[in-house]
ModelCIF file with pLDDT and N, C-alpha, C, O atoms, coordinates in Angstrom:
data_MODEL
#
_entry.id   MODEL 
#
_entity.id                         1 
_entity.type                       polymer 
_entity.pdbx_number_of_molecules   1 
#
_entity_poly.entity_id                      1 
_entity_poly.type                           'polypeptide(L)' 
_entity_poly.nstd_linkage                   no 
_entity_poly.nstd_monomer                   no 
_entity_poly.pdbx_seq_one_letter_code       LDPTFFGADPVEEMLEIRIQHGSDLEAFSDGLGVLVRDAAMVRGT 
_entity_poly.pdbx_seq_one_letter_code_can   LDPTFFGADPVEEMLEIRIQHGSDLEAFSDGLGVLVRDAAMVRGT 
_entity_poly.pdbx_strand_id                 A 
#
loop_
_entity_poly_seq.entity_id 
_entity_poly_seq.num 
_entity_poly_seq.mon_id 
_entity_poly_seq.hetero 
1 1  LEU n 
1 2  ASP n 
1 3  PRO n 
1 4  THR n 
1 5  PHE n 
1 6  PHE n 
1 7  GLY n 
1 8  ALA n 
1 9  ASP n 
1 10 PRO n 
1 11 VAL n 
1 12 GLU n 
1 13 GLU n 
1 14 MET n 
1 15 LEU n 
1 16 GLU n 
1 17 ILE n 
1 18 ARG n 
1 19 ILE n 
1 20 GLN n 
1 21 HIS n 
1 22 GLY n 
1 23 SER n 
1 24 ASP n 
1 25 LEU n 
1 26 GLU n 
1 27 ALA n 
1 28 PHE n 
1 29 SER n 
1 30 ASP n 
1 31 GLY n 
1 32 LEU n 
1 33 GLY n 
1 34 VAL n 
1 35 LEU n 
1 36 VAL n 
1 37 ARG n 
1 38 ASP n 
1 39 ALA n 
1 40 ALA n 
1 41 MET n 
1 42 VAL n 
1 43 ARG n 
1 44 GLY n 
1 45 THR n 
#
_struct_asym.id          A 
_struct_asym.entity_id   1 
#
loop_
_ma_qa_metric.id 
_ma_qa_metric.mode 
_ma_qa_metric.name 
_ma_qa_metric.software_group_id 
_ma_qa_metric.type 
1 global pLDDT . pLDDT 
2 local  pLDDT . pLDDT 
#
_ma_qa_metric_global.metric_id      1 
_ma_qa_metric_global.metric_value   92.38 
_ma_qa_metric_global.model_id       1 
_ma_qa_metric_global.ordinal_id     1 
#
loop_
_ma_qa_metric_local.label_asym_id 
_ma_qa_metric_local.label_comp_id 
_ma_qa_metric_local.label_seq_id 
_ma_qa_metric_local.metric_id 
_ma_qa_metric_local.metric_value 
_ma_qa_metric_local.model_id 
_ma_qa_metric_local.ordinal_id 
A LEU 1  2 95.00 1 1  
A ASP 2  2 91.00 1 2  
A PRO 3  2 95.00 1 3  
A THR 4  2 93.00 1 4  
A PHE 5  2 93.00 1 5  
A PHE 6  2 94.00 1 6  
A GLY 7  2 92.00 1 7  
A ALA 8  2 92.00 1 8  
A ASP 9  2 91.00 1 9  
A PRO 10 2 90.00 1 10 
A VAL 11 2 88.00 1 11 
A GLU 12 2 87.00 1 12 
A GLU 13 2 89.00 1 13 
A MET 14 2 94.00 1 14 
A LEU 15 2 95.00 1 15 
A GLU 16 2 95.00 1 16 
A ILE 17 2 96.00 1 17 
A ARG 18 2 95.00 1 18 
A ILE 19 2 96.00 1 19 
A GLN 20 2 94.00 1 20 
A HIS 21 2 91.00 1 21 
A GLY 22 2 86.00 1 22 
A SER 23 2 83.00 1 23 
A ASP 24 2 84.00 1 24 
A LEU 25 2 85.00 1 25 
A GLU 26 2 87.00 1 26 
A ALA 27 2 84.00 1 27 
A PHE 28 2 88.00 1 28 
A SER 29 2 92.00 1 29 
A ASP 30 2 94.00 1 30 
A GLY 31 2 96.00 1 31 
A LEU 32 2 97.00 1 32 
A GLY 33 2 97.00 1 33 
A VAL 34 2 98.00 1 34 
A LEU 35 2 97.00 1 35 
A VAL 36 2 97.00 1 36 
A ARG 37 2 96.00 1 37 
A ASP 38 2 95.00 1 38 
A ALA 39 2 94.00 1 39 
A ALA 40 2 92.00 1 40 
A MET 41 2 94.00 1 41 
A VAL 42 2 95.00 1 42 
A ARG 43 2 93.00 1 43 
A GLY 44 2 92.00 1 44 
A THR 45 2 95.00 1 45 
#
loop_
_atom_site.group_PDB 
_atom_site.id 
_atom_site.type_symbol 
_atom_site.label_atom_id 
_atom_site.label_alt_id 
_atom_site.label_comp_id 
_atom_site.label_asym_id 
_atom_site.label_entity_id 
_atom_site.label_seq_id 
_atom_site.pdbx_PDB_ins_code 
_atom_site.Cartn_x 
_atom_site.Cartn_y 
_atom_site.Cartn_z 
_atom_site.occupancy 
_atom_site.B_iso_or_equiv 
_atom_site.pdbx_formal_charge 
_atom_site.auth_seq_id 
_atom_site.auth_comp_id 
_atom_site.auth_asym_id 
_atom_site.auth_atom_id 
_atom_site.pdbx_PDB_model_num 
ATOM 1   N N  . LEU A 1 1  ? 225.905 -139.022 -68.457 1.00 95.00 ? 1  LEU A N  1 
ATOM 2   C CA . LEU A 1 1  ? 225.521 -140.066 -67.512 1.00 95.00 ? 1  LEU A CA 1 
ATOM 3   C C  . LEU A 1 1  ? 224.751 -139.368 -66.393 1.00 95.00 ? 1  LEU A C  1 
ATOM 4   O O  . LEU A 1 1  ? 225.254 -138.436 -65.765 1.00 95.00 ? 1  LEU A O  1 
ATOM 5   N N  . ASP A 1 2  ? 223.560 -139.818 -66.163 1.00 91.00 ? 2  ASP A N  1 
ATOM 6   C CA . ASP A 1 2  ? 222.755 -139.262 -65.077 1.00 91.00 ? 2  ASP A CA 1 
ATOM 7   C C  . ASP A 1 2  ? 222.912 -140.200 -63.884 1.00 91.00 ? 2  ASP A C  1 
ATOM 8   O O  . ASP A 1 2  ? 222.067 -141.072 -63.683 1.00 91.00 ? 2  ASP A O  1 
ATOM 9   N N  . PRO A 1 3  ? 223.981 -140.043 -63.078 1.00 95.00 ? 3  PRO A N  1 
ATOM 10  C CA . PRO A 1 3  ? 224.238 -141.023 -62.025 1.00 95.00 ? 3  PRO A CA 1 
ATOM 11  C C  . PRO A 1 3  ? 223.198 -140.985 -60.916 1.00 95.00 ? 3  PRO A C  1 
ATOM 12  O O  . PRO A 1 3  ? 222.812 -139.918 -60.439 1.00 95.00 ? 3  PRO A O  1 
ATOM 13  N N  . THR A 1 4  ? 222.759 -142.160 -60.519 1.00 93.00 ? 4  THR A N  1 
ATOM 14  C CA . THR A 1 4  ? 221.808 -142.295 -59.430 1.00 93.00 ? 4  THR A CA 1 
ATOM 15  C C  . THR A 1 4  ? 222.303 -143.272 -58.373 1.00 93.00 ? 4  THR A C  1 
ATOM 16  O O  . THR A 1 4  ? 221.671 -143.430 -57.328 1.00 93.00 ? 4  THR A O  1 
ATOM 17  N N  . PHE A 1 5  ? 223.430 -143.930 -58.638 1.00 93.00 ? 5  PHE A N  1 
ATOM 18  C CA . PHE A 1 5  ? 223.995 -144.882 -57.686 1.00 93.00 ? 5  PHE A CA 1 
ATOM 19  C C  . PHE A 1 5  ? 225.452 -144.527 -57.435 1.00 93.00 ? 5  PHE A C  1 
ATOM 20  O O  . PHE A 1 5  ? 226.221 -144.311 -58.372 1.00 93.00 ? 5  PHE A O  1 
ATOM 21  N N  . PHE A 1 6  ? 225.824 -144.468 -56.157 1.00 94.00 ? 6  PHE A N  1 
ATOM 22  C CA . PHE A 1 6  ? 227.182 -144.116 -55.743 1.00 94.00 ? 6  PHE A CA 1 
ATOM 23  C C  . PHE A 1 6  ? 227.596 -145.110 -54.665 1.00 94.00 ? 6  PHE A C  1 
ATOM 24  O O  . PHE A 1 6  ? 226.927 -145.228 -53.639 1.00 94.00 ? 6  PHE A O  1 
ATOM 25  N N  . GLY A 1 7  ? 228.686 -145.820 -54.890 1.00 92.00 ? 7  GLY A N  1 
ATOM 26  C CA . GLY A 1 7  ? 229.121 -146.794 -53.905 1.00 92.00 ? 7  GLY A CA 1 
ATOM 27  C C  . GLY A 1 7  ? 230.629 -146.916 -53.860 1.00 92.00 ? 7  GLY A C  1 
ATOM 28  O O  . GLY A 1 7  ? 231.322 -146.544 -54.807 1.00 92.00 ? 7  GLY A O  1 
ATOM 29  N N  . ALA A 1 8  ? 231.138 -147.443 -52.747 1.00 92.00 ? 8  ALA A N  1 
ATOM 30  C CA . ALA A 1 8  ? 232.573 -147.660 -52.587 1.00 92.00 ? 8  ALA A CA 1 
ATOM 31  C C  . ALA A 1 8  ? 232.785 -148.931 -51.777 1.00 92.00 ? 8  ALA A C  1 
ATOM 32  O O  . ALA A 1 8  ? 232.164 -149.126 -50.732 1.00 92.00 ? 8  ALA A O  1 
ATOM 33  N N  . ASP A 1 9  ? 233.670 -149.790 -52.270 1.00 91.00 ? 9  ASP A N  1 
ATOM 34  C CA . ASP A 1 9  ? 234.017 -151.036 -51.596 1.00 91.00 ? 9  ASP A CA 1 
ATOM 35  C C  . ASP A 1 9  ? 235.487 -151.008 -51.217 1.00 91.00 ? 9  ASP A C  1 
ATOM 36  O O  . ASP A 1 9  ? 236.347 -150.964 -52.097 1.00 91.00 ? 9  ASP A O  1 
ATOM 37  N N  . PRO A 1 10 ? 235.798 -151.032 -49.904 1.00 90.00 ? 10 PRO A N  1 
ATOM 38  C CA . PRO A 1 10 ? 237.197 -151.081 -49.477 1.00 90.00 ? 10 PRO A CA 1 
ATOM 39  C C  . PRO A 1 10 ? 237.724 -152.517 -49.475 1.00 90.00 ? 10 PRO A C  1 
ATOM 40  O O  . PRO A 1 10 ? 237.021 -153.448 -49.082 1.00 90.00 ? 10 PRO A O  1 
ATOM 41  N N  . VAL A 1 11 ? 238.967 -152.680 -49.919 1.00 88.00 ? 11 VAL A N  1 
ATOM 42  C CA . VAL A 1 11 ? 239.659 -153.962 -49.854 1.00 88.00 ? 11 VAL A CA 1 
ATOM 43  C C  . VAL A 1 11 ? 241.086 -153.652 -49.434 1.00 88.00 ? 11 VAL A C  1 
ATOM 44  O O  . VAL A 1 11 ? 241.865 -153.106 -50.215 1.00 88.00 ? 11 VAL A O  1 
ATOM 45  N N  . GLU A 1 12 ? 241.428 -154.004 -48.186 1.00 87.00 ? 12 GLU A N  1 
ATOM 46  C CA . GLU A 1 12 ? 242.718 -153.660 -47.605 1.00 87.00 ? 12 GLU A CA 1 
ATOM 47  C C  . GLU A 1 12 ? 242.950 -152.156 -47.758 1.00 87.00 ? 12 GLU A C  1 
ATOM 48  O O  . GLU A 1 12 ? 242.139 -151.373 -47.262 1.00 87.00 ? 12 GLU A O  1 
ATOM 49  N N  . GLU A 1 13 ? 244.030 -151.718 -48.429 1.00 89.00 ? 13 GLU A N  1 
ATOM 50  C CA . GLU A 1 13 ? 244.267 -150.276 -48.566 1.00 89.00 ? 13 GLU A CA 1 
ATOM 51  C C  . GLU A 1 13 ? 243.605 -149.697 -49.818 1.00 89.00 ? 13 GLU A C  1 
ATOM 52  O O  . GLU A 1 13 ? 243.670 -148.488 -50.045 1.00 89.00 ? 13 GLU A O  1 
ATOM 53  N N  . MET A 1 14 ? 242.976 -150.537 -50.624 1.00 94.00 ? 14 MET A N  1 
ATOM 54  C CA . MET A 1 14 ? 242.346 -150.071 -51.864 1.00 94.00 ? 14 MET A CA 1 
ATOM 55  C C  . MET A 1 14 ? 240.895 -149.654 -51.620 1.00 94.00 ? 14 MET A C  1 
ATOM 56  O O  . MET A 1 14 ? 240.255 -150.069 -50.654 1.00 94.00 ? 14 MET A O  1 
ATOM 57  N N  . LEU A 1 15 ? 240.405 -148.814 -52.538 1.00 95.00 ? 15 LEU A N  1 
ATOM 58  C CA . LEU A 1 15 ? 239.014 -148.404 -52.514 1.00 95.00 ? 15 LEU A CA 1 
ATOM 59  C C  . LEU A 1 15 ? 238.504 -148.438 -53.945 1.00 95.00 ? 15 LEU A C  1 
ATOM 60  O O  . LEU A 1 15 ? 239.057 -147.787 -54.831 1.00 95.00 ? 15 LEU A O  1 
ATOM 61  N N  . GLU A 1 16 ? 237.441 -149.208 -54.159 1.00 95.00 ? 16 GLU A N  1 
ATOM 62  C CA . GLU A 1 16 ? 236.831 -149.299 -55.483 1.00 95.00 ? 16 GLU A CA 1 
ATOM 63  C C  . GLU A 1 16 ? 235.529 -148.502 -55.458 1.00 95.00 ? 16 GLU A C  1 
ATOM 64  O O  . GLU A 1 16 ? 234.600 -148.832 -54.721 1.00 95.00 ? 16 GLU A O  1 
ATOM 65  N N  . ILE A 1 17 ? 235.478 -147.448 -56.276 1.00 96.00 ? 17 ILE A N  1 
ATOM 66  C CA . ILE A 1 17 ? 234.341 -146.534 -56.316 1.00 96.00 ? 17 ILE A CA 1 
ATOM 67  C C  . ILE A 1 17 ? 233.544 -146.806 -57.585 1.00 96.00 ? 17 ILE A C  1 
ATOM 68  O O  . ILE A 1 17 ? 234.117 -147.011 -58.655 1.00 96.00 ? 17 ILE A O  1 
ATOM 69  N N  . ARG A 1 18 ? 232.217 -146.807 -57.460 1.00 95.00 ? 18 ARG A N  1 
ATOM 70  C CA . ARG A 1 18 ? 231.360 -147.020 -58.629 1.00 95.00 ? 18 ARG A CA 1 
ATOM 71  C C  . ARG A 1 18 ? 230.298 -145.928 -58.666 1.00 95.00 ? 18 ARG A C  1 
ATOM 72  O O  . ARG A 1 18 ? 229.545 -145.739 -57.710 1.00 95.00 ? 18 ARG A O  1 
ATOM 73  N N  . ILE A 1 19 ? 230.253 -145.215 -59.788 1.00 96.00 ? 19 ILE A N  1 
ATOM 74  C CA . ILE A 1 19 ? 229.274 -144.168 -60.040 1.00 96.00 ? 19 ILE A CA 1 
ATOM 75  C C  . ILE A 1 19 ? 228.507 -144.614 -61.275 1.00 96.00 ? 19 ILE A C  1 
ATOM 76  O O  . ILE A 1 19 ? 229.110 -144.780 -62.335 1.00 96.00 ? 19 ILE A O  1 
ATOM 77  N N  . GLN A 1 20 ? 227.193 -144.816 -61.172 1.00 94.00 ? 20 GLN A N  1 
ATOM 78  C CA . GLN A 1 20 ? 226.490 -145.304 -62.356 1.00 94.00 ? 20 GLN A CA 1 
ATOM 79  C C  . GLN A 1 20 ? 225.028 -144.885 -62.366 1.00 94.00 ? 20 GLN A C  1 
ATOM 80  O O  . GLN A 1 20 ? 224.476 -144.427 -61.366 1.00 94.00 ? 20 GLN A O  1 
ATOM 81  N N  . HIS A 1 21 ? 224.427 -145.058 -63.532 1.00 91.00 ? 21 HIS A N  1 
ATOM 82  C CA . HIS A 1 21 ? 223.002 -144.808 -63.708 1.00 91.00 ? 21 HIS A CA 1 
ATOM 83  C C  . HIS A 1 21 ? 222.269 -146.087 -63.314 1.00 91.00 ? 21 HIS A C  1 
ATOM 84  O O  . HIS A 1 21 ? 222.391 -147.106 -63.993 1.00 91.00 ? 21 HIS A O  1 
ATOM 85  N N  . GLY A 1 22 ? 221.514 -146.039 -62.231 1.00 86.00 ? 22 GLY A N  1 
ATOM 86  C CA . GLY A 1 22 ? 220.796 -147.206 -61.743 1.00 86.00 ? 22 GLY A CA 1 
ATOM 87  C C  . GLY A 1 22 ? 221.678 -148.068 -60.864 1.00 86.00 ? 22 GLY A C  1 
ATOM 88  O O  . GLY A 1 22 ? 222.903 -147.945 -60.879 1.00 86.00 ? 22 GLY A O  1 
ATOM 89  N N  . SER A 1 23 ? 221.049 -148.935 -60.104 1.00 83.00 ? 23 SER A N  1 
ATOM 90  C CA . SER A 1 23 ? 221.796 -149.770 -59.160 1.00 83.00 ? 23 SER A CA 1 
ATOM 91  C C  . SER A 1 23 ? 221.931 -151.213 -59.630 1.00 83.00 ? 23 SER A C  1 
ATOM 92  O O  . SER A 1 23 ? 222.272 -152.094 -58.841 1.00 83.00 ? 23 SER A O  1 
ATOM 93  N N  . ASP A 1 24 ? 221.670 -151.456 -60.897 1.00 84.00 ? 24 ASP A N  1 
ATOM 94  C CA . ASP A 1 24 ? 221.796 -152.809 -61.440 1.00 84.00 ? 24 ASP A CA 1 
ATOM 95  C C  . ASP A 1 24 ? 223.275 -153.208 -61.494 1.00 84.00 ? 24 ASP A C  1 
ATOM 96  O O  . ASP A 1 24 ? 224.152 -152.381 -61.247 1.00 84.00 ? 24 ASP A O  1 
ATOM 97  N N  . LEU A 1 25 ? 223.540 -154.447 -61.812 1.00 85.00 ? 25 LEU A N  1 
ATOM 98  C CA . LEU A 1 25 ? 224.917 -154.901 -61.984 1.00 85.00 ? 25 LEU A CA 1 
ATOM 99  C C  . LEU A 1 25 ? 225.608 -154.093 -63.083 1.00 85.00 ? 25 LEU A C  1 
ATOM 100 O O  . LEU A 1 25 ? 224.949 -153.572 -63.983 1.00 85.00 ? 25 LEU A O  1 
ATOM 101 N N  . GLU A 1 26 ? 226.930 -153.993 -63.008 1.00 87.00 ? 26 GLU A N  1 
ATOM 102 C CA . GLU A 1 26 ? 227.691 -153.254 -64.022 1.00 87.00 ? 26 GLU A CA 1 
ATOM 103 C C  . GLU A 1 26 ? 227.435 -153.793 -65.418 1.00 87.00 ? 26 GLU A C  1 
ATOM 104 O O  . GLU A 1 26 ? 227.475 -153.030 -66.383 1.00 87.00 ? 26 GLU A O  1 
ATOM 105 N N  . ALA A 1 27 ? 227.177 -155.073 -65.550 1.00 84.00 ? 27 ALA A N  1 
ATOM 106 C CA . ALA A 1 27 ? 226.956 -155.698 -66.864 1.00 84.00 ? 27 ALA A CA 1 
ATOM 107 C C  . ALA A 1 27 ? 225.696 -155.182 -67.554 1.00 84.00 ? 27 ALA A C  1 
ATOM 108 O O  . ALA A 1 27 ? 225.503 -155.423 -68.746 1.00 84.00 ? 27 ALA A O  1 
ATOM 109 N N  . PHE A 1 28 ? 224.832 -154.470 -66.814 1.00 88.00 ? 28 PHE A N  1 
ATOM 110 C CA . PHE A 1 28 ? 223.587 -153.966 -67.384 1.00 88.00 ? 28 PHE A CA 1 
ATOM 111 C C  . PHE A 1 28 ? 223.432 -152.461 -67.208 1.00 88.00 ? 28 PHE A C  1 
ATOM 112 O O  . PHE A 1 28 ? 222.341 -151.933 -67.422 1.00 88.00 ? 28 PHE A O  1 
ATOM 113 N N  . SER A 1 29 ? 224.483 -151.764 -66.830 1.00 92.00 ? 29 SER A N  1 
ATOM 114 C CA . SER A 1 29 ? 224.394 -150.343 -66.504 1.00 92.00 ? 29 SER A CA 1 
ATOM 115 C C  . SER A 1 29 ? 225.450 -149.530 -67.234 1.00 92.00 ? 29 SER A C  1 
ATOM 116 O O  . SER A 1 29 ? 226.423 -150.073 -67.757 1.00 92.00 ? 29 SER A O  1 
ATOM 117 N N  . ASP A 1 30 ? 225.242 -148.219 -67.261 1.00 94.00 ? 30 ASP A N  1 
ATOM 118 C CA . ASP A 1 30 ? 226.262 -147.267 -67.696 1.00 94.00 ? 30 ASP A CA 1 
ATOM 119 C C  . ASP A 1 30 ? 226.917 -146.714 -66.443 1.00 94.00 ? 30 ASP A C  1 
ATOM 120 O O  . ASP A 1 30 ? 226.232 -146.438 -65.458 1.00 94.00 ? 30 ASP A O  1 
ATOM 121 N N  . GLY A 1 31 ? 228.236 -146.548 -66.466 1.00 96.00 ? 31 GLY A N  1 
ATOM 122 C CA . GLY A 1 31 ? 228.851 -146.026 -65.268 1.00 96.00 ? 31 GLY A CA 1 
ATOM 123 C C  . GLY A 1 31 ? 230.330 -145.745 -65.376 1.00 96.00 ? 31 GLY A C  1 
ATOM 124 O O  . GLY A 1 31 ? 230.954 -145.908 -66.425 1.00 96.00 ? 31 GLY A O  1 
ATOM 125 N N  . LEU A 1 32 ? 230.862 -145.320 -64.260 1.00 97.00 ? 32 LEU A N  1 
ATOM 126 C CA . LEU A 1 32 ? 232.260 -144.954 -64.123 1.00 97.00 ? 32 LEU A CA 1 
ATOM 127 C C  . LEU A 1 32 ? 232.826 -145.725 -62.932 1.00 97.00 ? 32 LEU A C  1 
ATOM 128 O O  . LEU A 1 32 ? 232.243 -145.716 -61.848 1.00 97.00 ? 32 LEU A O  1 
ATOM 129 N N  . GLY A 1 33 ? 233.963 -146.391 -63.137 1.00 97.00 ? 33 GLY A N  1 
ATOM 130 C CA . GLY A 1 33 ? 234.640 -147.082 -62.052 1.00 97.00 ? 33 GLY A CA 1 
ATOM 131 C C  . GLY A 1 33 ? 235.949 -146.370 -61.734 1.00 97.00 ? 33 GLY A C  1 
ATOM 132 O O  . GLY A 1 33 ? 236.673 -145.947 -62.634 1.00 97.00 ? 33 GLY A O  1 
ATOM 133 N N  . VAL A 1 34 ? 236.240 -146.244 -60.447 1.00 98.00 ? 34 VAL A N  1 
ATOM 134 C CA . VAL A 1 34 ? 237.475 -145.602 -60.002 1.00 98.00 ? 34 VAL A CA 1 
ATOM 135 C C  . VAL A 1 34 ? 238.135 -146.528 -58.991 1.00 98.00 ? 34 VAL A C  1 
ATOM 136 O O  . VAL A 1 34 ? 237.548 -146.842 -57.956 1.00 98.00 ? 34 VAL A O  1 
ATOM 137 N N  . LEU A 1 35 ? 239.353 -146.965 -59.287 1.00 97.00 ? 35 LEU A N  1 
ATOM 138 C CA . LEU A 1 35 ? 240.102 -147.799 -58.360 1.00 97.00 ? 35 LEU A CA 1 
ATOM 139 C C  . LEU A 1 35 ? 241.243 -146.973 -57.781 1.00 97.00 ? 35 LEU A C  1 
ATOM 140 O O  . LEU A 1 35 ? 242.121 -146.510 -58.508 1.00 97.00 ? 35 LEU A O  1 
ATOM 141 N N  . VAL A 1 36 ? 241.218 -146.794 -56.468 1.00 97.00 ? 36 VAL A N  1 
ATOM 142 C CA . VAL A 1 36 ? 242.284 -146.084 -55.759 1.00 97.00 ? 36 VAL A CA 1 
ATOM 143 C C  . VAL A 1 36 ? 243.113 -147.142 -55.058 1.00 97.00 ? 36 VAL A C  1 
ATOM 144 O O  . VAL A 1 36 ? 242.633 -147.794 -54.130 1.00 97.00 ? 36 VAL A O  1 
ATOM 145 N N  . ARG A 1 37 ? 244.349 -147.319 -55.491 1.00 96.00 ? 37 ARG A N  1 
ATOM 146 C CA . ARG A 1 37 ? 245.191 -148.395 -54.959 1.00 96.00 ? 37 ARG A CA 1 
ATOM 147 C C  . ARG A 1 37 ? 245.660 -148.148 -53.528 1.00 96.00 ? 37 ARG A C  1 
ATOM 148 O O  . ARG A 1 37 ? 245.858 -149.104 -52.778 1.00 96.00 ? 37 ARG A O  1 
ATOM 149 N N  . ASP A 1 38 ? 245.842 -146.888 -53.131 1.00 95.00 ? 38 ASP A N  1 
ATOM 150 C CA . ASP A 1 38 ? 246.278 -146.570 -51.778 1.00 95.00 ? 38 ASP A CA 1 
ATOM 151 C C  . ASP A 1 38 ? 245.482 -145.361 -51.286 1.00 95.00 ? 38 ASP A C  1 
ATOM 152 O O  . ASP A 1 38 ? 245.926 -144.218 -51.394 1.00 95.00 ? 38 ASP A O  1 
ATOM 153 N N  . ALA A 1 39 ? 244.295 -145.643 -50.743 1.00 94.00 ? 39 ALA A N  1 
ATOM 154 C CA . ALA A 1 39 ? 243.410 -144.567 -50.293 1.00 94.00 ? 39 ALA A CA 1 
ATOM 155 C C  . ALA A 1 39 ? 244.017 -143.798 -49.119 1.00 94.00 ? 39 ALA A C  1 
ATOM 156 O O  . ALA A 1 39 ? 243.765 -142.602 -48.971 1.00 94.00 ? 39 ALA A O  1 
ATOM 157 N N  . ALA A 1 40 ? 244.815 -144.473 -48.279 1.00 92.00 ? 40 ALA A N  1 
ATOM 158 C CA . ALA A 1 40 ? 245.446 -143.791 -47.146 1.00 92.00 ? 40 ALA A CA 1 
ATOM 159 C C  . ALA A 1 40 ? 246.434 -142.735 -47.639 1.00 92.00 ? 40 ALA A C  1 
ATOM 160 O O  . ALA A 1 40 ? 246.514 -141.651 -47.061 1.00 92.00 ? 40 ALA A O  1 
ATOM 161 N N  . MET A 1 41 ? 247.184 -143.035 -48.693 1.00 94.00 ? 41 MET A N  1 
ATOM 162 C CA . MET A 1 41 ? 248.120 -142.048 -49.249 1.00 94.00 ? 41 MET A CA 1 
ATOM 163 C C  . MET A 1 41 ? 247.361 -140.845 -49.796 1.00 94.00 ? 41 MET A C  1 
ATOM 164 O O  . MET A 1 41 ? 247.750 -139.700 -49.567 1.00 94.00 ? 41 MET A O  1 
ATOM 165 N N  . VAL A 1 42 ? 246.276 -141.112 -50.522 1.00 95.00 ? 42 VAL A N  1 
ATOM 166 C CA . VAL A 1 42 ? 245.487 -140.012 -51.068 1.00 95.00 ? 42 VAL A CA 1 
ATOM 167 C C  . VAL A 1 42 ? 244.929 -139.164 -49.937 1.00 95.00 ? 42 VAL A C  1 
ATOM 168 O O  . VAL A 1 42 ? 245.019 -137.937 -49.977 1.00 95.00 ? 42 VAL A O  1 
ATOM 169 N N  . ARG A 1 43 ? 244.352 -139.810 -48.926 1.00 93.00 ? 43 ARG A N  1 
ATOM 170 C CA . ARG A 1 43 ? 243.772 -139.069 -47.804 1.00 93.00 ? 43 ARG A CA 1 
ATOM 171 C C  . ARG A 1 43 ? 244.839 -138.296 -47.032 1.00 93.00 ? 43 ARG A C  1 
ATOM 172 O O  . ARG A 1 43 ? 244.594 -137.175 -46.587 1.00 93.00 ? 43 ARG A O  1 
ATOM 173 N N  . GLY A 1 44 ? 246.011 -138.886 -46.873 1.00 92.00 ? 44 GLY A N  1 
ATOM 174 C CA . GLY A 1 44 ? 247.053 -138.261 -46.066 1.00 92.00 ? 44 GLY A CA 1 
ATOM 175 C C  . GLY A 1 44 ? 247.804 -137.138 -46.748 1.00 92.00 ? 44 GLY A C  1 
ATOM 176 O O  . GLY A 1 44 ? 248.170 -136.163 -46.093 1.00 92.00 ? 44 GLY A O  1 
ATOM 177 N N  . THR A 1 45 ? 248.048 -137.247 -48.060 1.00 95.00 ? 45 THR A N  1 
ATOM 178 C CA . THR A 1 45 ? 248.932 -136.256 -48.702 1.00 95.00 ? 45 THR A CA 1 
ATOM 179 C C  . THR A 1 45 ? 248.425 -135.689 -50.027 1.00 95.00 ? 45 THR A C  1 
ATOM 180 O O  . THR A 1 45 ? 249.094 -134.855 -50.638 1.00 95.00 ? 45 THR A O  1 
#
């Protein structure tokens, strides 16, 4: 995957990370999604 788009959307304590080739919608792209359910815990410990 030659990623060219990197983004993160926070929702309350969660963080949804998207790494993909191109900035098109996920339905038309190749990519990797990462959902962190408690970003504060990860950052803190």
